[in-house]
C-alpha atoms as a PDB file:
ATOM      1  CA  MET A   1     -58.011-126.371 -21.451  1.00  0.00           C
ATOM      2  CA  VAL A   2     -60.471-128.383 -19.361  1.00  0.00           C
ATOM      3  CA  GLU A   3     -63.930-128.641 -20.877  1.00  0.00           C
ATOM      4  CA  PHE A   4     -67.038-129.376 -18.842  1.00  0.00           C
ATOM      5  CA  THR A   5     -70.312-130.718 -20.130  1.00  0.00           C
ATOM      6  CA  LEU A   6     -73.551-129.285 -18.804  1.00  0.00           C
ATOM      7  CA  TRP A   7     -74.036-132.429 -16.702  1.00  0.00           C
ATOM      8  CA  ASP A   8     -70.537-132.079 -15.224  1.00  0.00           C
ATOM      9  CA  ILE A   9     -71.224-128.457 -14.354  1.00  0.00           C
ATOM     10  CA  LEU A  10     -74.551-129.223 -12.683  1.00  0.00           C
ATOM     11  CA  ARG A  11     -73.100-132.192 -10.808  1.00  0.00           C
ATOM     12  CA  ASN A  12     -70.204-130.110  -9.507  1.00  0.00           C
ATOM     13  CA  LEU A  13     -72.348-127.135  -8.535  1.00  0.00           C
ATOM     14  CA  LEU A  14     -74.976-129.267  -6.804  1.00  0.00           C
ATOM     15  CA  GLY A  15     -72.220-131.097  -4.961  1.00  0.00           C
ATOM     16  CA  ALA A  16     -70.812-127.769  -3.790  1.00  0.00           C
ATOM     17  CA  ALA A  17     -74.342-126.658  -2.836  1.00  0.00           C
ATOM     18  CA  ARG A  18     -74.411-129.479  -0.292  1.00  0.00           C
ATOM     19  CA  TRP A  19     -71.381-127.939   1.393  1.00  0.00           C
ATOM     20  CA  THR A  20     -73.117-124.559   1.326  1.00  0.00           C
ATOM     21  CA  VAL A  21     -76.175-125.990   3.078  1.00  0.00           C
ATOM     22  CA  SER A  22     -73.993-127.934   5.541  1.00  0.00           C
ATOM     23  CA  LEU A  23     -72.017-124.821   6.437  1.00  0.00           C
ATOM     24  CA  SER A  24     -75.257-122.878   6.875  1.00  0.00           C
ATOM     25  CA  LEU A  25     -76.747-125.549   9.144  1.00  0.00           C
ATOM     26  CA  ILE A  26     -73.656-125.740  11.337  1.00  0.00           C
ATOM     27  CA  ALA A  27     -73.489-121.956  11.703  1.00  0.00           C
ATOM     28  CA  PHE A  28     -77.240-121.665  12.332  1.00  0.00           C
ATOM     29  CA  ILE A  29     -77.447-124.435  14.923  1.00  0.00           C
ATOM     30  CA  GLY A  30     -74.213-123.368  16.612  1.00  0.00           C
ATOM     31  CA  GLY A  31     -75.219-119.720  16.529  1.00  0.00           C
ATOM     32  CA  GLY A  32     -78.647-120.576  17.903  1.00  0.00           C
ATOM     33  CA  LEU A  33     -77.201-122.489  20.857  1.00  0.00           C
ATOM     34  CA  VAL A  34     -74.627-119.790  21.603  1.00  0.00           C
ATOM     35  CA  GLY A  35     -77.293-117.117  21.262  1.00  0.00           C
ATOM     36  CA  LEU A  36     -79.599-118.985  23.618  1.00  0.00           C
ATOM     37  CA  ALA A  37     -76.826-119.357  26.205  1.00  0.00           C
ATOM     38  CA  LEU A  38     -76.024-115.645  25.928  1.00  0.00           C
ATOM     39  CA  LEU A  39     -79.705-114.816  26.345  1.00  0.00           C
ATOM     40  CA  VAL A  40     -79.918-116.813  29.575  1.00  0.00           C
ATOM     41  CA  LEU A  41     -76.851-115.003  30.927  1.00  0.00           C
ATOM     42  CA  ARG A  42     -78.078-111.621  29.768  1.00  0.00           C
ATOM     43  CA  MET A  43     -81.459-112.037  31.441  1.00  0.00           C
ATOM     44  CA  SER A  44     -80.006-113.419  34.672  1.00  0.00           C
ATOM     45  CA  GLY A  45     -79.782-109.954  36.225  1.00  0.00           C
ATOM     46  CA  ASN A  46     -75.983-109.821  36.229  1.00  0.00           C
ATOM     47  CA  ARG A  47     -75.077-106.319  35.037  1.00  0.00           C
ATOM     48  CA  LEU A  48     -71.517-107.234  34.054  1.00  0.00           C
ATOM     49  CA  ALA A  49     -72.712-110.170  31.950  1.00  0.00           C
ATOM     50  CA  ASP A  50     -75.361-107.986  30.348  1.00  0.00           C
ATOM     51  CA  ARG A  51     -72.811-105.326  29.381  1.00  0.00           C
ATOM     52  CA  LEU A  52     -70.244-107.807  28.063  1.00  0.00           C
ATOM     53  CA  ILE A  53     -72.843-109.621  25.965  1.00  0.00           C
ATOM     54  CA  GLY A  54     -74.133-106.270  24.710  1.00  0.00           C
ATOM     55  CA  ILE A  55     -70.595-105.405  23.548  1.00  0.00           C
ATOM     56  CA  TYR A  56     -70.256-108.847  21.940  1.00  0.00           C
ATOM     57  CA  VAL A  57     -73.484-108.345  19.999  1.00  0.00           C
ATOM     58  CA  GLN A  58     -72.519-104.829  18.895  1.00  0.00           C
ATOM     59  CA  VAL A  59     -69.079-105.939  17.694  1.00  0.00           C
ATOM     60  CA  PHE A  60     -70.332-108.810  15.557  1.00  0.00           C
ATOM     61  CA  GLN A  61     -73.366-106.927  14.256  1.00  0.00           C
ATOM     62  CA  GLY A  62     -71.370-103.769  13.585  1.00  0.00           C
ATOM     63  CA  THR A  63     -68.461-105.240  11.616  1.00  0.00           C
ATOM     64  CA  PRO A  64     -68.535-106.773   8.118  1.00  0.00           C
ATOM     65  CA  LEU A  65     -68.827-110.542   7.926  1.00  0.00           C
ATOM     66  CA  LEU A  66     -66.062-110.599   5.315  1.00  0.00           C
ATOM     67  CA  MET A  67     -63.663-109.003   7.798  1.00  0.00           C
ATOM     68  CA  GLN A  68     -64.685-111.538  10.458  1.00  0.00           C
ATOM     69  CA  LEU A  69     -63.908-114.365   8.055  1.00  0.00           C
ATOM     70  CA  PHE A  70     -60.437-112.953   7.430  1.00  0.00           C
ATOM     71  CA  LEU A  71     -59.810-112.497  11.157  1.00  0.00           C
ATOM     72  CA  ALA A  72     -60.908-116.051  11.916  1.00  0.00           C
ATOM     73  CA  TYR A  73     -58.814-117.539   9.124  1.00  0.00           C
ATOM     74  CA  PHE A  74     -55.628-115.536   9.593  1.00  0.00           C
ATOM     75  CA  GLY A  75     -56.047-114.712  13.286  1.00  0.00           C
ATOM     76  CA  ILE A  76     -56.110-118.321  14.470  1.00  0.00           C
ATOM     77  CA  ALA A  77     -52.847-118.952  12.633  1.00  0.00           C
ATOM     78  CA  LEU A  78     -51.136-116.211  14.659  1.00  0.00           C
ATOM     79  CA  PHE A  79     -51.506-118.409  17.750  1.00  0.00           C
ATOM     80  CA  GLY A  80     -49.737-121.275  16.014  1.00  0.00           C
ATOM     81  CA  ILE A  81     -52.953-123.234  15.564  1.00  0.00           C
ATOM     82  CA  LYS A  82     -53.310-124.931  12.207  1.00  0.00           C
ATOM     83  CA  THR A  83     -56.847-125.134  10.979  1.00  0.00           C
ATOM     84  CA  SER A  84     -58.707-125.484   7.706  1.00  0.00           C
ATOM     85  CA  ALA A  85     -60.438-122.678   5.877  1.00  0.00           C
ATOM     86  CA  TRP A  86     -63.709-124.574   6.277  1.00  0.00           C
ATOM     87  CA  PHE A  87     -63.371-124.622  10.077  1.00  0.00           C
ATOM     88  CA  ALA A  88     -62.492-120.912  10.135  1.00  0.00           C
ATOM     89  CA  ALA A  89     -65.549-120.134   8.006  1.00  0.00           C
ATOM     90  CA  ALA A  90     -67.813-122.235  10.260  1.00  0.00           C
ATOM     91  CA  LEU A  91     -66.436-120.481  13.356  1.00  0.00           C
ATOM     92  CA  ALA A  92     -66.815-116.976  11.921  1.00  0.00           C
ATOM     93  CA  LEU A  93     -70.330-117.631  10.626  1.00  0.00           C
ATOM     94  CA  THR A  94     -71.378-119.195  13.935  1.00  0.00           C
ATOM     95  CA  LEU A  95     -70.192-116.224  15.980  1.00  0.00           C
ATOM     96  CA  TYR A  96     -71.676-113.767  13.506  1.00  0.00           C
ATOM     97  CA  THR A  97     -75.024-115.552  13.517  1.00  0.00           C
ATOM     98  CA  SER A  98     -75.076-115.910  17.315  1.00  0.00           C
ATOM     99  CA  ALA A  99     -75.026-112.123  17.706  1.00  0.00           C
ATOM    100  CA  PHE A 100     -78.194-111.752  15.642  1.00  0.00           C
ATOM    101  CA  LEU A 101     -79.916-114.765  17.152  1.00  0.00           C
ATOM    102  CA  THR A 102     -79.218-113.483  20.666  1.00  0.00           C
ATOM    103  CA  GLU A 103     -81.274-110.392  19.875  1.00  0.00           C
ATOM    104  CA  ILE A 104     -83.965-112.428  18.127  1.00  0.00           C
ATOM    105  CA  TRP A 105     -84.289-114.699  21.170  1.00  0.00           C
ATOM    106  CA  ARG A 106     -84.377-111.688  23.487  1.00  0.00           C
ATOM    107  CA  GLY A 107     -87.094-109.965  21.477  1.00  0.00           C
ATOM    108  CA  CYS A 108     -89.223-113.119  21.321  1.00  0.00           C
ATOM    109  CA  VAL A 109     -88.841-113.816  25.047  1.00  0.00           C
ATOM    110  CA  ASN A 110     -89.720-110.210  25.890  1.00  0.00           C
ATOM    111  CA  SER A 111     -92.873-110.547  23.777  1.00  0.00           C
ATOM    112  CA  ILE A 112     -94.253-113.121  26.227  1.00  0.00           C
ATOM    113  CA  PRO A 113     -96.535-111.429  28.797  1.00  0.00           C
ATOM    114  CA  ARG A 114     -94.948-110.778  32.179  1.00  0.00           C
ATOM    115  CA  GLY A 115     -97.807-112.642  33.798  1.00  0.00           C
ATOM    116  CA  GLN A 116     -96.343-115.900  32.477  1.00  0.00           C
ATOM    117  CA  TRP A 117     -93.210-115.331  34.566  1.00  0.00           C
ATOM    118  CA  GLU A 118     -95.281-114.459  37.623  1.00  0.00           C
ATOM    119  CA  ALA A 119     -97.507-117.517  37.218  1.00  0.00           C
ATOM    120  CA  ALA A 120     -94.462-119.787  36.971  1.00  0.00           C
ATOM    121  CA  THR A 121     -92.999-118.225  40.101  1.00  0.00           C
ATOM    122  CA  THR A 122     -96.175-118.851  42.094  1.00  0.00           C
ATOM    123  CA  ILE A 123     -95.965-122.587  41.418  1.00  0.00           C
ATOM    124  CA  GLY A 124     -92.337-122.725  42.523  1.00  0.00           C
ATOM    125  CA  LEU A 125     -90.473-122.761  39.209  1.00  0.00           C
ATOM    126  CA  GLY A 126     -87.025-121.177  39.227  1.00  0.00           C
ATOM    127  CA  TYR A 127     -85.537-118.904  36.580  1.00  0.00           C
ATOM    128  CA  VAL A 128     -84.059-121.643  34.378  1.00  0.00           C
ATOM    129  CA  LEU A 129     -87.080-123.937  34.623  1.00  0.00           C
ATOM    130  CA  THR A 130     -89.421-121.048  33.823  1.00  0.00           C
ATOM    131  CA  LEU A 131     -87.430-120.288  30.704  1.00  0.00           C
ATOM    132  CA  ARG A 132     -87.270-123.917  29.605  1.00  0.00           C
ATOM    133  CA  ARG A 133     -90.811-125.042  30.353  1.00  0.00           C
ATOM    134  CA  VAL A 134     -92.926-121.915  30.068  1.00  0.00           C
ATOM    135  CA  ILE A 135     -91.293-119.027  28.205  1.00  0.00           C
ATOM    136  CA  LEU A 136     -89.151-120.635  25.500  1.00  0.00           C
ATOM    137  CA  PRO A 137     -91.878-122.974  24.134  1.00  0.00           C
ATOM    138  CA  GLN A 138     -94.086-119.930  23.554  1.00  0.00           C
ATOM    139  CA  ALA A 139     -91.206-117.794  22.276  1.00  0.00           C
ATOM    140  CA  MET A 140     -90.253-120.477  19.739  1.00  0.00           C
ATOM    141  CA  ARG A 141     -93.543-119.984  17.900  1.00  0.00           C
ATOM    142  CA  VAL A 142     -92.973-116.234  17.756  1.00  0.00           C
ATOM    143  CA  ALA A 143     -89.378-116.783  16.644  1.00  0.00           C
ATOM    144  CA  VAL A 144     -90.148-118.887  13.562  1.00  0.00           C
ATOM    145  CA  PRO A 145     -90.309-116.004  11.010  1.00  0.00           C
ATOM    146  CA  PRO A 146     -87.143-114.161  12.140  1.00  0.00           C
ATOM    147  CA  LEU A 147     -85.212-117.405  12.615  1.00  0.00           C
ATOM    148  CA  SER A 148     -86.219-118.619   9.166  1.00  0.00           C
ATOM    149  CA  ASN A 149     -85.243-115.314   7.578  1.00  0.00           C
ATOM    150  CA  THR A 150     -81.893-115.436   9.372  1.00  0.00           C
ATOM    151  CA  PHE A 151     -81.219-118.925   8.039  1.00  0.00           C
ATOM    152  CA  ILE A 152     -82.131-117.900   4.495  1.00  0.00           C
ATOM    153  CA  SER A 153     -79.777-114.911   4.742  1.00  0.00           C
ATOM    154  CA  LEU A 154     -77.086-117.183   6.150  1.00  0.00           C
ATOM    155  CA  VAL A 155     -77.282-119.469   3.116  1.00  0.00           C
ATOM    156  CA  LYS A 156     -76.479-116.485   0.916  1.00  0.00           C
ATOM    157  CA  ASP A 157     -73.800-115.168   3.298  1.00  0.00           C
ATOM    158  CA  THR A 158     -71.839-118.415   2.994  1.00  0.00           C
ATOM    159  CA  SER A 159     -70.818-117.223  -0.463  1.00  0.00           C
ATOM    160  CA  LEU A 160     -68.356-114.890   1.294  1.00  0.00           C
ATOM    161  CA  ALA A 161     -66.477-117.963   2.521  1.00  0.00           C
ATOM    162  CA  SER A 162     -65.125-118.287  -1.022  1.00  0.00           C
ATOM    163  CA  SER A 163     -62.822-115.370  -0.146  1.00  0.00           C
ATOM    164  CA  ILE A 164     -60.819-117.685   2.150  1.00  0.00           C
ATOM    165  CA  MET A 165     -60.823-120.531  -0.379  1.00  0.00           C
ATOM    166  CA  VAL A 166     -63.725-122.552   1.032  1.00  0.00           C
ATOM    167  CA  THR A 167     -65.078-124.674  -1.803  1.00  0.00           C
ATOM    168  CA  GLU A 168     -68.748-123.871  -1.516  1.00  0.00           C
ATOM    169  CA  LEU A 169     -71.166-123.068  -4.334  1.00  0.00           C
ATOM    170  CA  LEU A 170     -69.744-119.718  -5.446  1.00  0.00           C
ATOM    171  CA  ARG A 171     -66.132-120.884  -5.188  1.00  0.00           C
ATOM    172  CA  ARG A 172     -66.884-123.963  -7.274  1.00  0.00           C
ATOM    173  CA  ALA A 173     -68.556-121.819  -9.924  1.00  0.00           C
ATOM    174  CA  GLN A 174     -65.410-119.672 -10.057  1.00  0.00           C
ATOM    175  CA  GLU A 175     -63.183-122.726 -10.453  1.00  0.00           C
ATOM    176  CA  ILE A 176     -65.292-124.154 -13.288  1.00  0.00           C
ATOM    177  CA  ALA A 177     -65.519-120.812 -15.076  1.00  0.00           C
ATOM    178  CA  ALA A 178     -61.794-120.009 -14.850  1.00  0.00           C
ATOM    179  CA  PRO A 179     -60.566-122.159 -17.798  1.00  0.00           C
ATOM    180  CA  SER A 180     -63.215-120.918 -20.241  1.00  0.00           C
ATOM    181  CA  TYR A 181     -63.831-117.436 -18.776  1.00  0.00           C
ATOM    182  CA  GLU A 182     -67.590-118.141 -18.871  1.00  0.00           C
ATOM    183  CA  PHE A 183     -68.072-116.358 -15.584  1.00  0.00           C
ATOM    184  CA  LEU A 184     -71.439-114.803 -16.437  1.00  0.00           C
ATOM    185  CA  ALA A 185     -73.018-118.148 -17.326  1.00  0.00           C
ATOM    186  CA  LEU A 186     -71.591-119.977 -14.299  1.00  0.00           C
ATOM    187  CA  TYR A 187     -72.452-117.181 -11.867  1.00  0.00           C
ATOM    188  CA  SER A 188     -75.974-117.073 -13.264  1.00  0.00           C
ATOM    189  CA  LEU A 189     -76.359-120.815 -12.814  1.00  0.00           C
ATOM    190  CA  ALA A 190     -75.018-120.583  -9.255  1.00  0.00           C
ATOM    191  CA  ALA A 191     -77.484-117.755  -8.577  1.00  0.00           C
ATOM    192  CA  VAL A 192     -80.359-119.967  -9.760  1.00  0.00           C
ATOM    193  CA  ILE A 193     -79.251-122.715  -7.349  1.00  0.00           C
ATOM    194  CA  TYR A 194     -79.065-120.216  -4.470  1.00  0.00           C
ATOM    195  CA  TRP A 195     -82.548-119.005  -5.417  1.00  0.00           C
ATOM    196  CA  MET A 196     -83.910-122.559  -5.479  1.00  0.00           C
ATOM    197  CA  ILE A 197     -82.454-123.357  -2.046  1.00  0.00           C
ATOM    198  CA  CYS A 198     -83.882-120.178  -0.555  1.00  0.00           C
ATOM    199  CA  GLY A 199     -87.213-120.837  -2.267  1.00  0.00           C
ATOM    200  CA  VAL A 200     -87.492-124.280  -0.678  1.00  0.00           C
ATOM    201  CA  LEU A 201     -86.653-122.786   2.721  1.00  0.00           C
ATOM    202  CA  SER A 202     -89.275-120.065   2.267  1.00  0.00           C
ATOM    203  CA  VAL A 203     -91.963-122.643   1.474  1.00  0.00           C
ATOM    204  CA  ALA A 204     -90.926-124.696   4.519  1.00  0.00           C
ATOM    205  CA  GLN A 205     -91.130-121.545   6.652  1.00  0.00           C
ATOM    206  CA  LEU A 206     -94.690-120.788   5.500  1.00  0.00           C
ATOM    207  CA  ARG A 207     -95.837-124.349   6.150  1.00  0.00           C
ATOM    208  CA  LEU A 208     -94.292-124.330   9.621  1.00  0.00           C
ATOM    209  CA  GLU A 209     -95.957-121.007  10.437  1.00  0.00           C
ATOM    210  CA  ARG A 210     -99.351-122.344   9.314  1.00  0.00           C
ATOM    211  CA  ARG A 211     -98.869-125.534  11.308  1.00  0.00           C
ATOM    212  CA  LEU A 212     -97.960-123.646  14.466  1.00  0.00           C
ATOM    213  CA  GLY A 213    -100.771-121.187  13.834  1.00  0.00           C
ATOM    214  CA  ARG A 214    -103.314-123.964  14.392  1.00  0.00           C
ATOM    215  CA  TYR A 215    -102.425-123.989  18.062  1.00  0.00           C
ATOM    216  CA  VAL A 216    -102.876-120.253  18.561  1.00  0.00           C
ATOM    217  CA  THR A 217    -106.155-119.268  20.148  1.00  0.00           C
ATOM    218  CA  THR A 218    -107.855-116.109  18.952  1.00  0.00           C
END
């Protein structure tokens, strides 16, 4: 039976935590970009695009993430495409996150007064330029709390990737605990690491909100 010292356990779990954070970052950035692209299409005035994106959002918001992970992992293989579990997890998490971020972007953009759009139009800015130079910079400040909360939730959601054998934090805790059956101790230690990661992100969120708040006129 393999025995691990406390240092070995911490080193292994912290190493796996890096993969957890990496997977979260990839899914968050990818989901943010996809969500932003879907927002631009949805607000373009094209009814067909609006309906299709609405269905896309409902499907990914209305189905369990665990099921989406299984579909991504086993579904890609049905087309004869060989891929790793890590890639399947990144793809599923990105699509899942993009559905939520699309709605977050839309809500933040809609919170900007209509007069901003009209003012941009009077100086000759088109739809895309108005979004990029006028609306989105203001919406980004409004979006900080919901985006930060989404990222924090995403860090915890990556634990579901262990179900398709992705060696992230939870999966590594399972592997270390298996020889000794010390699952409670290892899961508790993994939970503390998750809590620490989310705590750091929460502090960063508060500091960013305060920093951006300096530029808000009252």
